[in-house]
Amino acid sequence: MTIEYVNEVEVKMIHHNISDDMVAMAAWVSHDIDNEERLEDTARVAGLIKFLVKNKHLSLTVKSNVPLFVRSEWHRHRTQSYNEVSGRYTEMLPRFWCGDKARIQKGKPGDYYFVDGTDEQTAAYHESKKRAVESAWTEYQYRLELGIAKEQAREDLPLSLMTQFYLRNWLQFLALRDESHALKEIQAAAQQVATIVEEAAPLTYAAFKEFGV
């Protein structure tokens, strides 16, 4: 198979059972007052949601398509449950992340910032990336052809390999990853998640932006 290089992360909504009305009804049911007539009082609904957002009352499932190094950063502070494609059981696809520009790290520990590299640095980054990826992929295929188990054959595939996973529970993730100091690629994913949540439950998202989690 031909190696494919990717420079965009993707987050796709798979399923959600969240809406502003659902959040309110789920809260009212504990007092046996979950009737639809109460939803007509939009100010009451908005006030209730502002209160409930502190309890992270949200259920949403999305599918993410990101490189392994973003997956690792994503899960380091994760609150989601997730299911990921497994290289133990499935032959991985030759899809690898390749950033559009090289990034240069500046600043000091605790206060780093990044600037775009020169055209020469970016060209060298791309060339080096392709050498590393092609070598690793060749060895992976060689091991598979020998009949070596997938879980061992995959051991030296690089972190730029693209992976896919399903996740649930999002407000805490957005608080951590949709902010300026997060890894650039995970910020891009978080911004797509934020759009999905805002479209599904605009009052809940507005409360989250106002109060955090």
C-alpha atoms as a PDB file:
ATOM      1  CA  MET A   1       0.000   0.000   0.000  1.00  0.00           C
ATOM      2  CA  THR A   2       1.130   3.537  -0.747  1.00  0.00           C
ATOM      3  CA  ILE A   3       2.081   5.640   2.272  1.00  0.00           C
ATOM      4  CA  GLU A   4      -0.242   8.598   2.829  1.00  0.00           C
ATOM      5  CA  TYR A   5       0.782  11.756   4.684  1.00  0.00           C
ATOM      6  CA  VAL A   6      -1.865  13.744   6.587  1.00  0.00           C
ATOM      7  CA  ASN A   7      -1.721  17.287   8.013  1.00  0.00           C
ATOM      8  CA  GLU A   8      -5.231  17.734   9.392  1.00  0.00           C
ATOM      9  CA  VAL A   9      -6.842  16.141  12.428  1.00  0.00           C
ATOM     10  CA  GLU A  10     -10.492  15.126  12.183  1.00  0.00           C
ATOM     11  CA  VAL A  11     -13.231  14.864  14.794  1.00  0.00           C
ATOM     12  CA  LYS A  12     -16.637  13.542  13.708  1.00  0.00           C
ATOM     13  CA  MET A  13     -19.800  13.383  15.788  1.00  0.00           C
ATOM     14  CA  ILE A  14     -21.025   9.773  15.983  1.00  0.00           C
ATOM     15  CA  HIS A  15     -23.802   9.973  18.553  1.00  0.00           C
ATOM     16  CA  HIS A  16     -25.098  12.282  21.225  1.00  0.00           C
ATOM     17  CA  ASN A  17     -27.985  12.212  23.646  1.00  0.00           C
ATOM     18  CA  ILE A  18     -27.378  15.759  24.770  1.00  0.00           C
ATOM     19  CA  SER A  19     -29.565  18.788  24.234  1.00  0.00           C
ATOM     20  CA  ASP A  20     -30.402  21.676  26.508  1.00  0.00           C
ATOM     21  CA  ASP A  21     -33.910  20.276  26.971  1.00  0.00           C
ATOM     22  CA  MET A  22     -32.532  16.826  27.809  1.00  0.00           C
ATOM     23  CA  VAL A  23     -30.159  18.271  30.423  1.00  0.00           C
ATOM     24  CA  ALA A  24     -33.060  20.040  32.131  1.00  0.00           C
ATOM     25  CA  MET A  25     -35.419  17.052  31.962  1.00  0.00           C
ATOM     26  CA  ALA A  26     -32.745  14.704  33.326  1.00  0.00           C
ATOM     27  CA  ALA A  27     -32.340  16.995  36.341  1.00  0.00           C
ATOM     28  CA  TRP A  28     -36.059  17.420  36.949  1.00  0.00           C
ATOM     29  CA  VAL A  29     -36.770  13.695  36.851  1.00  0.00           C
ATOM     30  CA  SER A  30     -35.160  13.253  40.271  1.00  0.00           C
ATOM     31  CA  HIS A  31     -38.022  15.359  41.674  1.00  0.00           C
ATOM     32  CA  ASP A  32     -40.639  13.756  39.388  1.00  0.00           C
ATOM     33  CA  ILE A  33     -41.317  17.097  37.729  1.00  0.00           C
ATOM     34  CA  ASP A  34     -39.930  16.282  34.274  1.00  0.00           C
ATOM     35  CA  ASN A  35     -42.840  17.545  32.196  1.00  0.00           C
ATOM     36  CA  GLU A  36     -42.390  19.253  28.870  1.00  0.00           C
ATOM     37  CA  GLU A  37     -44.460  22.268  29.905  1.00  0.00           C
ATOM     38  CA  ARG A  38     -41.576  23.339  32.164  1.00  0.00           C
ATOM     39  CA  LEU A  39     -39.358  23.630  29.068  1.00  0.00           C
ATOM     40  CA  GLU A  40     -41.445  26.595  27.924  1.00  0.00           C
ATOM     41  CA  ASP A  41     -39.859  28.689  30.694  1.00  0.00           C
ATOM     42  CA  THR A  42     -36.565  29.230  28.852  1.00  0.00           C
ATOM     43  CA  ALA A  43     -35.132  31.468  31.579  1.00  0.00           C
ATOM     44  CA  ARG A  44     -35.664  28.674  34.132  1.00  0.00           C
ATOM     45  CA  VAL A  45     -34.027  26.163  31.803  1.00  0.00           C
ATOM     46  CA  ALA A  46     -31.022  28.437  31.267  1.00  0.00           C
ATOM     47  CA  GLY A  47     -30.634  29.004  35.008  1.00  0.00           C
ATOM     48  CA  LEU A  48     -30.841  25.294  35.742  1.00  0.00           C
ATOM     49  CA  ILE A  49     -28.216  24.497  33.107  1.00  0.00           C
ATOM     50  CA  LYS A  50     -25.817  27.053  34.561  1.00  0.00           C
ATOM     51  CA  PHE A  51     -26.151  25.244  37.867  1.00  0.00           C
ATOM     52  CA  LEU A  52     -25.831  21.745  36.382  1.00  0.00           C
ATOM     53  CA  VAL A  53     -22.789  22.416  34.222  1.00  0.00           C
ATOM     54  CA  LYS A  54     -20.627  22.233  37.356  1.00  0.00           C
ATOM     55  CA  ASN A  55     -21.656  18.552  37.551  1.00  0.00           C
ATOM     56  CA  LYS A  56     -20.409  17.870  33.998  1.00  0.00           C
ATOM     57  CA  HIS A  57     -23.843  16.681  32.893  1.00  0.00           C
ATOM     58  CA  LEU A  58     -23.008  15.784  29.314  1.00  0.00           C
ATOM     59  CA  SER A  59     -23.017  12.654  27.183  1.00  0.00           C
ATOM     60  CA  LEU A  60     -21.574  12.792  23.678  1.00  0.00           C
ATOM     61  CA  THR A  61     -19.660  10.341  21.500  1.00  0.00           C
ATOM     62  CA  VAL A  62     -17.316  11.421  18.714  1.00  0.00           C
ATOM     63  CA  LYS A  63     -14.776   9.645  16.531  1.00  0.00           C
ATOM     64  CA  SER A  64     -11.309  11.164  16.353  1.00  0.00           C
ATOM     65  CA  ASN A  65      -8.706  10.611  13.650  1.00  0.00           C
ATOM     66  CA  VAL A  66      -5.356  11.880  14.934  1.00  0.00           C
ATOM     67  CA  PRO A  67      -1.679  10.829  15.082  1.00  0.00           C
ATOM     68  CA  LEU A  68      -0.490   8.697  17.992  1.00  0.00           C
ATOM     69  CA  PHE A  69       1.403  11.599  19.558  1.00  0.00           C
ATOM     70  CA  VAL A  70      -1.856  13.577  19.793  1.00  0.00           C
ATOM     71  CA  ARG A  71      -3.658  10.503  21.175  1.00  0.00           C
ATOM     72  CA  SER A  72      -1.031  10.251  23.921  1.00  0.00           C
ATOM     73  CA  GLU A  73      -1.368  13.946  24.795  1.00  0.00           C
ATOM     74  CA  TRP A  74      -5.156  13.640  24.664  1.00  0.00           C
ATOM     75  CA  HIS A  75      -5.277  10.748  27.114  1.00  0.00           C
ATOM     76  CA  ARG A  76      -2.718  12.100  29.555  1.00  0.00           C
ATOM     77  CA  HIS A  77      -5.426  14.090  31.343  1.00  0.00           C
ATOM     78  CA  ARG A  78      -8.401  12.240  29.922  1.00  0.00           C
ATOM     79  CA  THR A  79     -11.746  11.919  31.662  1.00  0.00           C
ATOM     80  CA  GLN A  80     -13.330  10.086  28.728  1.00  0.00           C
ATOM     81  CA  SER A  81     -13.901   6.411  28.270  1.00  0.00           C
ATOM     82  CA  TYR A  82     -12.612   5.395  24.853  1.00  0.00           C
ATOM     83  CA  ASN A  83     -12.227   2.559  22.369  1.00  0.00           C
ATOM     84  CA  GLU A  84      -9.335   2.664  19.900  1.00  0.00           C
ATOM     85  CA  VAL A  85      -8.358   0.693  16.810  1.00  0.00           C
ATOM     86  CA  SER A  86      -5.935  -2.000  17.999  1.00  0.00           C
ATOM     87  CA  GLY A  87      -2.636  -2.761  16.299  1.00  0.00           C
ATOM     88  CA  ARG A  88      -2.664  -6.107  18.138  1.00  0.00           C
ATOM     89  CA  TYR A  89      -5.546  -7.373  16.039  1.00  0.00           C
ATOM     90  CA  THR A  90      -5.605  -5.188  12.934  1.00  0.00           C
ATOM     91  CA  GLU A  91      -2.963  -4.448  10.333  1.00  0.00           C
ATOM     92  CA  MET A  92      -2.436  -0.716  10.534  1.00  0.00           C
ATOM     93  CA  LEU A  93      -2.954   1.537   7.511  1.00  0.00           C
ATOM     94  CA  PRO A  94       0.011   3.490   6.091  1.00  0.00           C
ATOM     95  CA  ARG A  95      -1.316   6.911   7.117  1.00  0.00           C
ATOM     96  CA  PHE A  96       1.127   9.226   8.893  1.00  0.00           C
ATOM     97  CA  TRP A  97       1.023  12.772  10.188  1.00  0.00           C
ATOM     98  CA  CYS A  98       3.243  15.323   8.487  1.00  0.00           C
ATOM     99  CA  GLY A  99       2.896  18.927   9.618  1.00  0.00           C
ATOM    100  CA  ASP A 100       2.713  21.557   6.916  1.00  0.00           C
ATOM    101  CA  LYS A 101       5.568  23.553   8.503  1.00  0.00           C
ATOM    102  CA  ALA A 102       8.434  22.839  10.875  1.00  0.00           C
ATOM    103  CA  ARG A 103       7.974  24.486  14.296  1.00  0.00           C
ATOM    104  CA  ILE A 104      10.847  26.012  16.266  1.00  0.00           C
ATOM    105  CA  GLN A 105      10.626  26.049  20.076  1.00  0.00           C
ATOM    106  CA  LYS A 106      11.659  29.244  21.861  1.00  0.00           C
ATOM    107  CA  GLY A 107      11.429  30.609  25.380  1.00  0.00           C
ATOM    108  CA  LYS A 108      12.228  28.944  28.686  1.00  0.00           C
ATOM    109  CA  PRO A 109      10.785  26.005  30.667  1.00  0.00           C
ATOM    110  CA  GLY A 110       7.187  26.729  31.649  1.00  0.00           C
ATOM    111  CA  ASP A 111       6.930  29.548  29.115  1.00  0.00           C
ATOM    112  CA  TYR A 112       7.715  28.019  25.734  1.00  0.00           C
ATOM    113  CA  TYR A 113       6.328  29.381  22.505  1.00  0.00           C
ATOM    114  CA  PHE A 114       6.687  28.253  18.894  1.00  0.00           C
ATOM    115  CA  VAL A 115       7.385  29.976  15.591  1.00  0.00           C
ATOM    116  CA  ASP A 116       7.387  28.645  12.046  1.00  0.00           C
ATOM    117  CA  GLY A 117      10.706  27.359  10.801  1.00  0.00           C
ATOM    118  CA  THR A 118      12.383  28.579   7.643  1.00  0.00           C
ATOM    119  CA  ASP A 119      11.618  27.035   4.270  1.00  0.00           C
ATOM    120  CA  GLU A 120      14.904  25.102   4.554  1.00  0.00           C
ATOM    121  CA  GLN A 121      13.987  23.750   7.996  1.00  0.00           C
ATOM    122  CA  THR A 122      10.542  22.725   6.778  1.00  0.00           C
ATOM    123  CA  ALA A 123      11.986  20.969   3.722  1.00  0.00           C
ATOM    124  CA  ALA A 124      14.483  19.107   5.920  1.00  0.00           C
ATOM    125  CA  TYR A 125      11.686  18.127   8.341  1.00  0.00           C
ATOM    126  CA  HIS A 126       9.592  16.726   5.477  1.00  0.00           C
ATOM    127  CA  GLU A 127      12.516  14.815   3.961  1.00  0.00           C
ATOM    128  CA  SER A 128      13.555  13.391   7.334  1.00  0.00           C
ATOM    129  CA  LYS A 129       9.954  12.426   8.087  1.00  0.00           C
ATOM    130  CA  LYS A 130       9.640  10.462   4.855  1.00  0.00           C
ATOM    131  CA  ARG A 131      12.910   8.598   5.429  1.00  0.00           C
ATOM    132  CA  ALA A 132      11.901   7.590   8.938  1.00  0.00           C
ATOM    133  CA  VAL A 133       8.347   6.609   8.002  1.00  0.00           C
ATOM    134  CA  GLU A 134       9.310   4.615   4.916  1.00  0.00           C
ATOM    135  CA  SER A 135      11.975   2.690   6.852  1.00  0.00           C
ATOM    136  CA  ALA A 136       9.600   1.881   9.734  1.00  0.00           C
ATOM    137  CA  TRP A 137       6.777   0.874   7.390  1.00  0.00           C
ATOM    138  CA  THR A 138       9.091  -1.401   5.365  1.00  0.00           C
ATOM    139  CA  GLU A 139      10.175  -3.215   8.529  1.00  0.00           C
ATOM    140  CA  TYR A 140       6.569  -3.512   9.724  1.00  0.00           C
ATOM    141  CA  GLN A 141       5.518  -5.128   6.438  1.00  0.00           C
ATOM    142  CA  TYR A 142       8.582  -7.396   6.496  1.00  0.00           C
ATOM    143  CA  ARG A 143       7.660  -8.722   9.953  1.00  0.00           C
ATOM    144  CA  LEU A 144       4.050  -9.316   8.926  1.00  0.00           C
ATOM    145  CA  GLU A 145       5.193 -11.225   5.835  1.00  0.00           C
ATOM    146  CA  LEU A 146       7.311 -13.454   8.105  1.00  0.00           C
ATOM    147  CA  GLY A 147       4.180 -14.288  10.097  1.00  0.00           C
ATOM    148  CA  ILE A 148       5.271 -12.358  13.199  1.00  0.00           C
ATOM    149  CA  ALA A 149       2.316 -11.413  15.403  1.00  0.00           C
ATOM    150  CA  LYS A 150       0.817  -7.986  14.724  1.00  0.00           C
ATOM    151  CA  GLU A 151       1.432  -6.929  18.332  1.00  0.00           C
ATOM    152  CA  GLN A 152       5.180  -7.388  17.800  1.00  0.00           C
ATOM    153  CA  ALA A 153       5.314  -6.263  14.189  1.00  0.00           C
ATOM    154  CA  ARG A 154       3.942  -2.832  15.171  1.00  0.00           C
ATOM    155  CA  GLU A 155       6.500  -2.135  17.912  1.00  0.00           C
ATOM    156  CA  ASP A 156       8.669   0.288  15.926  1.00  0.00           C
ATOM    157  CA  LEU A 157       5.988   2.203  14.064  1.00  0.00           C
ATOM    158  CA  PRO A 158       6.431   5.942  14.724  1.00  0.00           C
ATOM    159  CA  LEU A 159       4.195   8.211  16.802  1.00  0.00           C
ATOM    160  CA  SER A 160       3.126   9.953  13.598  1.00  0.00           C
ATOM    161  CA  LEU A 161       1.017   6.894  12.670  1.00  0.00           C
ATOM    162  CA  MET A 162      -2.636   7.935  12.440  1.00  0.00           C
ATOM    163  CA  THR A 163      -5.082   6.234  14.805  1.00  0.00           C
ATOM    164  CA  GLN A 164      -8.846   6.367  15.359  1.00  0.00           C
ATOM    165  CA  PHE A 165     -10.890   6.162  18.530  1.00  0.00           C
ATOM    166  CA  TYR A 166     -14.325   6.809  19.982  1.00  0.00           C
ATOM    167  CA  LEU A 167     -14.645   8.927  23.130  1.00  0.00           C
ATOM    168  CA  ARG A 168     -17.332  10.161  25.501  1.00  0.00           C
ATOM    169  CA  ASN A 169     -17.506  13.065  28.015  1.00  0.00           C
ATOM    170  CA  TRP A 170     -16.167  16.419  26.838  1.00  0.00           C
ATOM    171  CA  LEU A 171     -16.353  19.482  29.070  1.00  0.00           C
ATOM    172  CA  GLN A 172     -13.265  18.614  31.113  1.00  0.00           C
ATOM    173  CA  PHE A 173     -11.363  17.840  27.899  1.00  0.00           C
ATOM    174  CA  LEU A 174     -12.249  21.237  26.434  1.00  0.00           C
ATOM    175  CA  ALA A 175     -11.145  22.990  29.606  1.00  0.00           C
ATOM    176  CA  LEU A 176      -7.707  21.388  29.273  1.00  0.00           C
ATOM    177  CA  ARG A 177      -7.109  21.269  25.546  1.00  0.00           C
ATOM    178  CA  ASP A 178      -8.948  24.172  23.893  1.00  0.00           C
ATOM    179  CA  GLU A 179      -6.486  26.707  25.265  1.00  0.00           C
ATOM    180  CA  SER A 180      -3.424  28.479  23.978  1.00  0.00           C
ATOM    181  CA  HIS A 181      -0.725  26.432  25.750  1.00  0.00           C
ATOM    182  CA  ALA A 182      -1.961  23.062  24.502  1.00  0.00           C
ATOM    183  CA  LEU A 183      -0.251  21.171  21.675  1.00  0.00           C
ATOM    184  CA  LYS A 184      -1.213  22.840  18.376  1.00  0.00           C
ATOM    185  CA  GLU A 185      -2.634  19.658  16.842  1.00  0.00           C
ATOM    186  CA  ILE A 186      -4.784  18.837  19.879  1.00  0.00           C
ATOM    187  CA  GLN A 187      -6.075  22.412  19.936  1.00  0.00           C
ATOM    188  CA  ALA A 188      -7.300  21.822  16.382  1.00  0.00           C
ATOM    189  CA  ALA A 189      -9.153  18.690  17.512  1.00  0.00           C
ATOM    190  CA  ALA A 190     -10.566  20.431  20.607  1.00  0.00           C
ATOM    191  CA  GLN A 191     -11.925  23.288  18.507  1.00  0.00           C
ATOM    192  CA  GLN A 192     -13.841  20.779  16.369  1.00  0.00           C
ATOM    193  CA  VAL A 193     -15.214  19.137  19.537  1.00  0.00           C
ATOM    194  CA  ALA A 194     -16.278  22.567  20.841  1.00  0.00           C
ATOM    195  CA  THR A 195     -18.232  23.233  17.637  1.00  0.00           C
ATOM    196  CA  ILE A 196     -20.042  19.885  17.980  1.00  0.00           C
ATOM    197  CA  VAL A 197     -20.940  20.512  21.643  1.00  0.00           C
ATOM    198  CA  GLU A 198     -22.076  24.083  20.940  1.00  0.00           C
ATOM    199  CA  GLU A 199     -24.359  22.936  18.111  1.00  0.00           C
ATOM    200  CA  ALA A 200     -25.829  20.098  20.202  1.00  0.00           C
ATOM    201  CA  ALA A 201     -26.427  22.120  23.381  1.00  0.00           C
ATOM    202  CA  PRO A 202     -25.841  25.864  22.996  1.00  0.00           C
ATOM    203  CA  LEU A 203     -27.012  26.837  26.506  1.00  0.00           C
ATOM    204  CA  THR A 204     -24.866  24.145  28.096  1.00  0.00           C
ATOM    205  CA  TYR A 205     -21.848  25.239  26.068  1.00  0.00           C
ATOM    206  CA  ALA A 206     -22.448  28.899  26.959  1.00  0.00           C
ATOM    207  CA  ALA A 207     -22.600  27.952  30.661  1.00  0.00           C
ATOM    208  CA  PHE A 208     -19.365  26.012  30.308  1.00  0.00           C
ATOM    209  CA  LYS A 209     -17.647  29.023  28.701  1.00  0.00           C
ATOM    210  CA  GLU A 210     -18.931  31.272  31.498  1.00  0.00           C
ATOM    211  CA  PHE A 211     -18.231  29.039  34.503  1.00  0.00           C
ATOM    212  CA  GLY A 212     -15.778  26.370  33.309  1.00  0.00           C
ATOM    213  CA  VAL A 213     -15.839  22.919  34.905  1.00  0.00           C
END
